Amino acid sequence: MWSFLSSCNLFFKLEFSEDGNDVCYHLTNVKNMWKENLSLSEAFKRVKTLNRLIKFNDDTIKETILRNDPEFVEFKDNELILKYKVDGDPFKFTWKLVQLSADEFLEHFTNPLMFCVEVLAKENEKLKAVIEQKDIEIEQFKIEGNVLRRTTVATLPFDMKAYDERNSKLNSITKDFHEIANTMDFVQKKLKEFEATKSPEAKSPKKSPSTKSKKRSLKTQLYNERLKRLKQDKNKAQYEESEDSEEILKNGT
């Protein structure tokens, strides 16, 4: 995940290898990108060299180089100098970076960004369809005579037209990027992988029950509720009758 170095308007991302023995540091100003691949053992040696008077354990070193709150930042000649405070002690670290080519910038920044734009646009359309279907479902329940008792949770129908008008500029930009994304092999491959990871229910949602089945289930529900009330009334009447009988016996004695 990208983190922001506010003092110098740069973003960095630190990634550890699967075995945890290597680390890759990416730095970008959104126009260019730099990186350094470093083994953790080399990182620990560098910390010892730059901080000769204080000894830091391995866990502290890993935690500190992940932080985005250095007290001092300087980026010069492809070197990023960072100074932190660790329990009151000064901690210095330097990343010796190499600027990436245009193709590498595309791989590490543009491609993931375009993939996110494409996925969010598609998911937004799916969400709009679900909301629209929910409004139809709610309206159908009202037609069938149902009344919402908790009025505090009532909502107005979603105004799809107003929503699209509010986001017209965003939709226009997204559409332009969609045309570009369609030509990018990386994005199309990632989209297929993304769809494949979804659960079967998400990929093929169950069909909503027909109006007839809805009415049938509603009638069954109403019948059960009416039967329950009748039983309660009957039990209440029997209880009141027994109380009257006891009162008569008391008076009779």
C-alpha atoms as a PDB file:
ATOM      1  CA  MET A   1       0.000   0.000   0.000  1.00  0.00           C
ATOM      2  CA  TRP A   2       1.279   3.467  -0.891  1.00  0.00           C
ATOM      3  CA  SER A   3       2.069   5.810   1.997  1.00  0.00           C
ATOM      4  CA  PHE A   4       2.559   9.575   1.813  1.00  0.00           C
ATOM      5  CA  LEU A   5       5.700  11.417   2.873  1.00  0.00           C
ATOM      6  CA  SER A   6       4.027  14.776   3.397  1.00  0.00           C
ATOM      7  CA  SER A   7       7.213  16.708   4.057  1.00  0.00           C
ATOM      8  CA  CYS A   8       8.463  16.133   0.511  1.00  0.00           C
ATOM      9  CA  ASN A   9       5.246  15.285  -1.421  1.00  0.00           C
ATOM     10  CA  LEU A  10       6.438  11.793  -2.269  1.00  0.00           C
ATOM     11  CA  PHE A  11       4.739   8.405  -1.987  1.00  0.00           C
ATOM     12  CA  PHE A  12       6.498   5.201  -0.994  1.00  0.00           C
ATOM     13  CA  LYS A  13       5.637   1.531  -0.889  1.00  0.00           C
ATOM     14  CA  LEU A  14       7.612  -1.135   0.936  1.00  0.00           C
ATOM     15  CA  GLU A  15       7.154  -4.775  -0.029  1.00  0.00           C
ATOM     16  CA  PHE A  16       8.708  -7.821   1.582  1.00  0.00           C
ATOM     17  CA  SER A  17       9.395 -11.006  -0.346  1.00  0.00           C
ATOM     18  CA  GLU A  18       7.342 -14.116   0.415  1.00  0.00           C
ATOM     19  CA  ASP A  19      10.138 -15.618   2.489  1.00  0.00           C
ATOM     20  CA  GLY A  20      10.596 -12.272   4.292  1.00  0.00           C
ATOM     21  CA  ASN A  21      14.323 -12.113   3.511  1.00  0.00           C
ATOM     22  CA  ASP A  22      14.211  -9.293   0.960  1.00  0.00           C
ATOM     23  CA  VAL A  23      12.592  -5.893   0.751  1.00  0.00           C
ATOM     24  CA  CYS A  24      11.719  -3.670  -2.218  1.00  0.00           C
ATOM     25  CA  TYR A  25      11.276   0.069  -1.708  1.00  0.00           C
ATOM     26  CA  HIS A  26       9.362   2.107  -4.305  1.00  0.00           C
ATOM     27  CA  LEU A  27       9.274   5.897  -4.329  1.00  0.00           C
ATOM     28  CA  THR A  28       7.229   8.081  -6.680  1.00  0.00           C
ATOM     29  CA  ASN A  29       6.122  11.653  -7.281  1.00  0.00           C
ATOM     30  CA  VAL A  30       3.397  10.270  -9.618  1.00  0.00           C
ATOM     31  CA  LYS A  31       5.461  11.371 -12.639  1.00  0.00           C
ATOM     32  CA  ASN A  32       8.565   9.252 -12.052  1.00  0.00           C
ATOM     33  CA  MET A  33       9.458   6.274  -9.918  1.00  0.00           C
ATOM     34  CA  TRP A  34      12.550   5.006  -8.156  1.00  0.00           C
ATOM     35  CA  LYS A  35      13.244   1.764  -6.338  1.00  0.00           C
ATOM     36  CA  GLU A  36      15.802  -0.295  -4.453  1.00  0.00           C
ATOM     37  CA  ASN A  37      15.856  -4.041  -3.882  1.00  0.00           C
ATOM     38  CA  LEU A  38      17.617  -4.921  -0.674  1.00  0.00           C
ATOM     39  CA  SER A  39      18.036  -8.036   1.438  1.00  0.00           C
ATOM     40  CA  LEU A  40      17.097  -7.613   5.081  1.00  0.00           C
ATOM     41  CA  SER A  41      20.597  -8.598   6.135  1.00  0.00           C
ATOM     42  CA  GLU A  42      21.970  -5.736   4.019  1.00  0.00           C
ATOM     43  CA  ALA A  43      19.362  -3.370   5.505  1.00  0.00           C
ATOM     44  CA  PHE A  44      20.444  -4.356   9.032  1.00  0.00           C
ATOM     45  CA  LYS A  45      24.116  -3.735   8.132  1.00  0.00           C
ATOM     46  CA  ARG A  46      23.226  -0.334   6.702  1.00  0.00           C
ATOM     47  CA  VAL A  47      21.412   0.615   9.916  1.00  0.00           C
ATOM     48  CA  LYS A  48      24.472  -0.371  11.972  1.00  0.00           C
ATOM     49  CA  THR A  49      26.738   1.677   9.710  1.00  0.00           C
ATOM     50  CA  LEU A  50      24.533   4.777   9.861  1.00  0.00           C
ATOM     51  CA  ASN A  51      23.766   4.456  13.596  1.00  0.00           C
ATOM     52  CA  ARG A  52      27.066   3.403  15.161  1.00  0.00           C
ATOM     53  CA  LEU A  53      26.345   4.691  18.666  1.00  0.00           C
ATOM     54  CA  ILE A  54      22.954   2.984  19.132  1.00  0.00           C
ATOM     55  CA  LYS A  55      22.037  -0.661  18.637  1.00  0.00           C
ATOM     56  CA  PHE A  56      18.553  -1.451  17.261  1.00  0.00           C
ATOM     57  CA  ASN A  57      17.101  -4.948  17.124  1.00  0.00           C
ATOM     58  CA  ASP A  58      15.843  -6.455  13.861  1.00  0.00           C
ATOM     59  CA  ASP A  59      12.131  -6.010  14.628  1.00  0.00           C
ATOM     60  CA  THR A  60      12.622  -2.324  15.458  1.00  0.00           C
ATOM     61  CA  ILE A  61      14.473  -1.788  12.172  1.00  0.00           C
ATOM     62  CA  LYS A  62      11.677  -3.433  10.149  1.00  0.00           C
ATOM     63  CA  GLU A  63       8.991  -1.430  11.951  1.00  0.00           C
ATOM     64  CA  THR A  64      10.839   1.870  11.571  1.00  0.00           C
ATOM     65  CA  ILE A  65      11.551   1.683   7.832  1.00  0.00           C
ATOM     66  CA  LEU A  66       7.822   1.062   7.317  1.00  0.00           C
ATOM     67  CA  ARG A  67       6.870   4.305   9.071  1.00  0.00           C
ATOM     68  CA  ASN A  68       5.740   7.393   7.142  1.00  0.00           C
ATOM     69  CA  ASP A  69       6.518   9.937   9.869  1.00  0.00           C
ATOM     70  CA  PRO A  70      10.238  10.759   9.605  1.00  0.00           C
ATOM     71  CA  GLU A  71      11.411  13.926  11.324  1.00  0.00           C
ATOM     72  CA  PHE A  72      13.706  14.684   8.407  1.00  0.00           C
ATOM     73  CA  VAL A  73      13.516  13.813   4.700  1.00  0.00           C
ATOM     74  CA  GLU A  74      15.922  14.672   1.922  1.00  0.00           C
ATOM     75  CA  PHE A  75      15.816  13.286  -1.610  1.00  0.00           C
ATOM     76  CA  LYS A  76      18.896  14.144  -3.613  1.00  0.00           C
ATOM     77  CA  ASP A  77      20.868  12.406  -6.363  1.00  0.00           C
ATOM     78  CA  ASN A  78      18.615   9.345  -6.154  1.00  0.00           C
ATOM     79  CA  GLU A  79      19.256   8.941  -2.434  1.00  0.00           C
ATOM     80  CA  LEU A  80      16.452   9.228   0.101  1.00  0.00           C
ATOM     81  CA  ILE A  81      17.721  10.164   3.556  1.00  0.00           C
ATOM     82  CA  LEU A  82      15.269   9.544   6.405  1.00  0.00           C
ATOM     83  CA  LYS A  83      15.665  10.389  10.085  1.00  0.00           C
ATOM     84  CA  TYR A  84      13.298   9.091  12.780  1.00  0.00           C
ATOM     85  CA  LYS A  85      12.972   9.028  16.534  1.00  0.00           C
ATOM     86  CA  VAL A  86      12.792   5.582  18.146  1.00  0.00           C
ATOM     87  CA  ASP A  87      12.036   5.744  21.858  1.00  0.00           C
ATOM     88  CA  GLY A  88      13.770   9.109  21.931  1.00  0.00           C
ATOM     89  CA  ASP A  89      16.867   7.871  20.089  1.00  0.00           C
ATOM     90  CA  PRO A  90      17.814   9.100  16.579  1.00  0.00           C
ATOM     91  CA  PHE A  91      17.439   6.551  13.786  1.00  0.00           C
ATOM     92  CA  LYS A  92      18.840   7.235  10.325  1.00  0.00           C
ATOM     93  CA  PHE A  93      18.325   5.263   7.138  1.00  0.00           C
ATOM     94  CA  THR A  94      19.183   5.873   3.493  1.00  0.00           C
ATOM     95  CA  TRP A  95      17.618   4.298   0.428  1.00  0.00           C
ATOM     96  CA  LYS A  96      19.960   4.196  -2.587  1.00  0.00           C
ATOM     97  CA  LEU A  97      17.451   4.320  -5.404  1.00  0.00           C
ATOM     98  CA  VAL A  98      17.501   3.749  -9.150  1.00  0.00           C
ATOM     99  CA  GLN A  99      15.046   5.549 -11.438  1.00  0.00           C
ATOM    100  CA  LEU A 100      12.720   3.203 -13.312  1.00  0.00           C
ATOM    101  CA  SER A 101      12.151   3.213 -17.049  1.00  0.00           C
ATOM    102  CA  ALA A 102       8.833   4.158 -18.654  1.00  0.00           C
ATOM    103  CA  ASP A 103       7.945   0.473 -19.040  1.00  0.00           C
ATOM    104  CA  GLU A 104       8.654  -0.190 -15.353  1.00  0.00           C
ATOM    105  CA  PHE A 105       6.595   2.843 -14.342  1.00  0.00           C
ATOM    106  CA  LEU A 106       3.753   1.412 -16.416  1.00  0.00           C
ATOM    107  CA  GLU A 107       4.120  -1.951 -14.672  1.00  0.00           C
ATOM    108  CA  HIS A 108       4.262  -0.665 -11.101  1.00  0.00           C
ATOM    109  CA  PHE A 109       1.985   2.365 -11.238  1.00  0.00           C
ATOM    110  CA  THR A 110      -0.093   2.934 -14.373  1.00  0.00           C
ATOM    111  CA  ASN A 111      -1.294  -0.642 -14.836  1.00  0.00           C
ATOM    112  CA  PRO A 112      -2.545  -1.123 -11.241  1.00  0.00           C
ATOM    113  CA  LEU A 113      -4.159   2.323 -11.341  1.00  0.00           C
ATOM    114  CA  MET A 114      -6.000   1.559 -14.578  1.00  0.00           C
ATOM    115  CA  PHE A 115      -7.117  -1.805 -13.218  1.00  0.00           C
ATOM    116  CA  CYS A 116      -8.597  -0.132 -10.117  1.00  0.00           C
ATOM    117  CA  VAL A 117     -10.437   2.459 -12.224  1.00  0.00           C
ATOM    118  CA  GLU A 118     -11.913  -0.270 -14.424  1.00  0.00           C
ATOM    119  CA  VAL A 119     -12.977  -2.505 -11.518  1.00  0.00           C
ATOM    120  CA  LEU A 120     -14.555   0.353  -9.550  1.00  0.00           C
ATOM    121  CA  ALA A 121     -16.519   1.471 -12.616  1.00  0.00           C
ATOM    122  CA  LYS A 122     -17.853  -2.057 -13.204  1.00  0.00           C
ATOM    123  CA  GLU A 123     -18.689  -2.591  -9.527  1.00  0.00           C
ATOM    124  CA  ASN A 124     -20.473   0.773  -9.439  1.00  0.00           C
ATOM    125  CA  GLU A 125     -22.755  -0.291 -12.304  1.00  0.00           C
ATOM    126  CA  LYS A 126     -23.510  -3.587 -10.554  1.00  0.00           C
ATOM    127  CA  LEU A 127     -24.310  -1.762  -7.321  1.00  0.00           C
ATOM    128  CA  LYS A 128     -26.684   0.609  -9.131  1.00  0.00           C
ATOM    129  CA  ALA A 129     -28.518  -2.385 -10.617  1.00  0.00           C
ATOM    130  CA  VAL A 130     -28.868  -4.000  -7.170  1.00  0.00           C
ATOM    131  CA  ILE A 131     -30.224  -0.770  -5.630  1.00  0.00           C
ATOM    132  CA  GLU A 132     -32.714  -0.389  -8.484  1.00  0.00           C
ATOM    133  CA  GLN A 133     -33.898  -3.975  -7.997  1.00  0.00           C
ATOM    134  CA  LYS A 134     -34.266  -3.415  -4.251  1.00  0.00           C
ATOM    135  CA  ASP A 135     -36.537  -0.406  -4.889  1.00  0.00           C
ATOM    136  CA  ILE A 136     -38.705  -2.556  -7.175  1.00  0.00           C
ATOM    137  CA  GLU A 137     -38.854  -5.246  -4.484  1.00  0.00           C
ATOM    138  CA  ILE A 138     -39.863  -2.732  -1.782  1.00  0.00           C
ATOM    139  CA  GLU A 139     -42.563  -1.285  -4.023  1.00  0.00           C
ATOM    140  CA  GLN A 140     -43.905  -4.779  -4.686  1.00  0.00           C
ATOM    141  CA  PHE A 141     -44.195  -5.456  -0.943  1.00  0.00           C
ATOM    142  CA  LYS A 142     -46.166  -2.226  -0.549  1.00  0.00           C
ATOM    143  CA  ILE A 143     -48.489  -3.230  -3.387  1.00  0.00           C
ATOM    144  CA  GLU A 144     -49.106  -6.537  -1.597  1.00  0.00           C
ATOM    145  CA  GLY A 145     -50.312  -4.659   1.471  1.00  0.00           C
ATOM    146  CA  ASN A 146     -47.252  -4.712   3.698  1.00  0.00           C
ATOM    147  CA  VAL A 147     -46.670  -1.730   5.969  1.00  0.00           C
ATOM    148  CA  LEU A 148     -43.319  -0.788   7.491  1.00  0.00           C
ATOM    149  CA  ARG A 149     -43.732  -0.406  11.245  1.00  0.00           C
ATOM    150  CA  ARG A 150     -40.302   1.108  11.925  1.00  0.00           C
ATOM    151  CA  THR A 151     -40.696   4.332   9.989  1.00  0.00           C
ATOM    152  CA  THR A 152     -37.227   5.479  11.079  1.00  0.00           C
ATOM    153  CA  VAL A 153     -35.636   3.035   8.619  1.00  0.00           C
ATOM    154  CA  ALA A 154     -37.833   4.093   5.686  1.00  0.00           C
ATOM    155  CA  THR A 155     -36.010   5.381   2.595  1.00  0.00           C
ATOM    156  CA  LEU A 156     -36.984   7.216  -0.556  1.00  0.00           C
ATOM    157  CA  PRO A 157     -36.601   5.466  -3.920  1.00  0.00           C
ATOM    158  CA  PHE A 158     -33.091   5.888  -5.308  1.00  0.00           C
ATOM    159  CA  ASP A 159     -33.008   8.621  -7.975  1.00  0.00           C
ATOM    160  CA  MET A 160     -30.772   7.007 -10.591  1.00  0.00           C
ATOM    161  CA  LYS A 161     -31.063   9.928 -13.004  1.00  0.00           C
ATOM    162  CA  ALA A 162     -29.996  12.479 -10.382  1.00  0.00           C
ATOM    163  CA  TYR A 163     -27.113  10.214  -9.316  1.00  0.00           C
ATOM    164  CA  ASP A 164     -25.818   9.978 -12.892  1.00  0.00           C
ATOM    165  CA  GLU A 165     -26.171  13.737 -13.381  1.00  0.00           C
ATOM    166  CA  ARG A 166     -24.180  14.450 -10.194  1.00  0.00           C
ATOM    167  CA  ASN A 167     -21.416  12.164 -11.414  1.00  0.00           C
ATOM    168  CA  SER A 168     -21.528  13.065 -15.104  1.00  0.00           C
ATOM    169  CA  LYS A 169     -17.941  14.410 -15.190  1.00  0.00           C
ATOM    170  CA  LEU A 170     -16.621  11.393 -13.321  1.00  0.00           C
ATOM    171  CA  ASN A 171     -18.550   9.051 -15.612  1.00  0.00           C
ATOM    172  CA  SER A 172     -17.106  10.821 -18.654  1.00  0.00           C
ATOM    173  CA  ILE A 173     -13.533  10.437 -17.375  1.00  0.00           C
ATOM    174  CA  THR A 174     -14.168   6.801 -16.447  1.00  0.00           C
ATOM    175  CA  LYS A 175     -15.528   6.130 -19.920  1.00  0.00           C
ATOM    176  CA  ASP A 176     -12.392   7.596 -21.500  1.00  0.00           C
ATOM    177  CA  PHE A 177     -10.173   5.425 -19.312  1.00  0.00           C
ATOM    178  CA  HIS A 178     -12.370   2.415 -20.108  1.00  0.00           C
ATOM    179  CA  GLU A 179     -11.496   2.793 -23.788  1.00  0.00           C
ATOM    180  CA  ILE A 180      -7.797   2.768 -22.884  1.00  0.00           C
ATOM    181  CA  ALA A 181      -8.145  -0.128 -20.444  1.00  0.00           C
ATOM    182  CA  ASN A 182      -9.736  -2.275 -23.155  1.00  0.00           C
ATOM    183  CA  THR A 183      -6.425  -2.196 -25.043  1.00  0.00           C
ATOM    184  CA  MET A 184      -4.234  -3.025 -22.033  1.00  0.00           C
ATOM    185  CA  ASP A 185      -3.402  -6.726 -21.741  1.00  0.00           C
ATOM    186  CA  PHE A 186      -2.462  -6.417 -18.054  1.00  0.00           C
ATOM    187  CA  VAL A 187      -5.820  -4.870 -17.132  1.00  0.00           C
ATOM    188  CA  GLN A 188      -7.845  -7.431 -19.083  1.00  0.00           C
ATOM    189  CA  LYS A 189      -5.881 -10.305 -17.537  1.00  0.00           C
ATOM    190  CA  LYS A 190      -6.361  -8.923 -14.026  1.00  0.00           C
ATOM    191  CA  LEU A 191     -10.083  -8.401 -14.646  1.00  0.00           C
ATOM    192  CA  LYS A 192     -10.474 -12.072 -15.592  1.00  0.00           C
ATOM    193  CA  GLU A 193      -8.572 -13.112 -12.454  1.00  0.00           C
ATOM    194  CA  PHE A 194     -10.714 -10.761 -10.357  1.00  0.00           C
ATOM    195  CA  GLU A 195     -13.953 -12.233 -11.720  1.00  0.00           C
ATOM    196  CA  ALA A 196     -12.644 -15.765 -11.187  1.00  0.00           C
ATOM    197  CA  THR A 197     -11.989 -15.133  -7.492  1.00  0.00           C
ATOM    198  CA  LYS A 198     -15.612 -14.179  -6.834  1.00  0.00           C
ATOM    199  CA  SER A 199     -17.888 -16.694  -5.139  1.00  0.00           C
ATOM    200  CA  PRO A 200     -20.401 -18.599  -7.312  1.00  0.00           C
ATOM    201  CA  GLU A 201     -23.222 -16.650  -5.662  1.00  0.00           C
ATOM    202  CA  ALA A 202     -21.610 -13.340  -6.579  1.00  0.00           C
ATOM    203  CA  LYS A 203     -21.067 -14.414 -10.190  1.00  0.00           C
ATOM    204  CA  SER A 204     -24.544 -15.855 -10.681  1.00  0.00           C
ATOM    205  CA  PRO A 205     -26.969 -14.326  -8.176  1.00  0.00           C
ATOM    206  CA  LYS A 206     -30.150 -16.223  -7.406  1.00  0.00           C
ATOM    207  CA  LYS A 207     -33.217 -15.125  -9.287  1.00  0.00           C
ATOM    208  CA  SER A 208     -35.691 -13.195  -7.212  1.00  0.00           C
ATOM    209  CA  PRO A 209     -38.917 -15.114  -6.536  1.00  0.00           C
ATOM    210  CA  SER A 210     -41.823 -14.514  -8.849  1.00  0.00           C
ATOM    211  CA  THR A 211     -44.798 -12.389  -7.846  1.00  0.00           C
ATOM    212  CA  LYS A 212     -46.912 -15.530  -7.398  1.00  0.00           C
ATOM    213  CA  SER A 213     -44.422 -17.174  -5.052  1.00  0.00           C
ATOM    214  CA  LYS A 214     -44.092 -13.894  -3.133  1.00  0.00           C
ATOM    215  CA  LYS A 215     -47.864 -13.712  -2.689  1.00  0.00           C
ATOM    216  CA  ARG A 216     -47.994 -17.361  -1.645  1.00  0.00           C
ATOM    217  CA  SER A 217     -45.285 -16.916   0.986  1.00  0.00           C
ATOM    218  CA  LEU A 218     -46.959 -13.707   2.172  1.00  0.00           C
ATOM    219  CA  LYS A 219     -50.313 -15.467   2.591  1.00  0.00           C
ATOM    220  CA  THR A 220     -48.620 -18.243   4.555  1.00  0.00           C
ATOM    221  CA  GLN A 221     -46.927 -15.694   6.791  1.00  0.00           C
ATOM    222  CA  LEU A 222     -50.205 -13.825   7.407  1.00  0.00           C
ATOM    223  CA  TYR A 223     -52.017 -17.105   8.134  1.00  0.00           C
ATOM    224  CA  ASN A 224     -49.368 -18.158  10.669  1.00  0.00           C
ATOM    225  CA  GLU A 225     -49.495 -14.772  12.390  1.00  0.00           C
ATOM    226  CA  ARG A 226     -53.317 -14.892  12.554  1.00  0.00           C
ATOM    227  CA  LEU A 227     -53.204 -18.444  13.951  1.00  0.00           C
ATOM    228  CA  LYS A 228     -50.668 -17.354  16.564  1.00  0.00           C
ATOM    229  CA  ARG A 229     -52.892 -14.455  17.659  1.00  0.00           C
ATOM    230  CA  LEU A 230     -55.936 -16.767  17.922  1.00  0.00           C
ATOM    231  CA  LYS A 231     -53.991 -19.154  20.148  1.00  0.00           C
ATOM    232  CA  GLN A 232     -52.855 -16.283  22.334  1.00  0.00           C
ATOM    233  CA  ASP A 233     -56.436 -14.974  22.619  1.00  0.00           C
ATOM    234  CA  LYS A 234     -57.687 -18.477  23.453  1.00  0.00           C
ATOM    235  CA  ASN A 235     -55.056 -18.948  26.154  1.00  0.00           C
ATOM    236  CA  LYS A 236     -55.872 -15.536  27.585  1.00  0.00           C
ATOM    237  CA  ALA A 237     -59.601 -16.366  27.702  1.00  0.00           C
ATOM    238  CA  GLN A 238     -58.899 -19.694  29.417  1.00  0.00           C
ATOM    239  CA  TYR A 239     -56.681 -17.955  31.965  1.00  0.00           C
ATOM    240  CA  GLU A 240     -59.318 -15.309  32.725  1.00  0.00           C
ATOM    241  CA  GLU A 241     -61.989 -18.035  33.056  1.00  0.00           C
ATOM    242  CA  SER A 242     -59.859 -19.961  35.563  1.00  0.00           C
ATOM    243  CA  GLU A 243     -59.338 -16.778  37.602  1.00  0.00           C
ATOM    244  CA  ASP A 244     -63.103 -16.187  37.692  1.00  0.00           C
ATOM    245  CA  SER A 245     -63.674 -19.757  38.891  1.00  0.00           C
ATOM    246  CA  GLU A 246     -61.167 -19.342  41.692  1.00  0.00           C
ATOM    247  CA  GLU A 247     -62.836 -16.080  42.749  1.00  0.00           C
ATOM    248  CA  ILE A 248     -66.249 -17.785  42.895  1.00  0.00           C
ATOM    249  CA  LEU A 249     -64.863 -20.612  45.042  1.00  0.00           C
ATOM    250  CA  LYS A 250     -63.290 -18.117  47.455  1.00  0.00           C
ATOM    251  CA  ASN A 251     -66.528 -16.178  47.813  1.00  0.00           C
ATOM    252  CA  GLY A 252     -68.490 -19.370  48.221  1.00  0.00           C
ATOM    253  CA  THR A 253     -66.355 -20.432  51.184  1.00  0.00           C
END
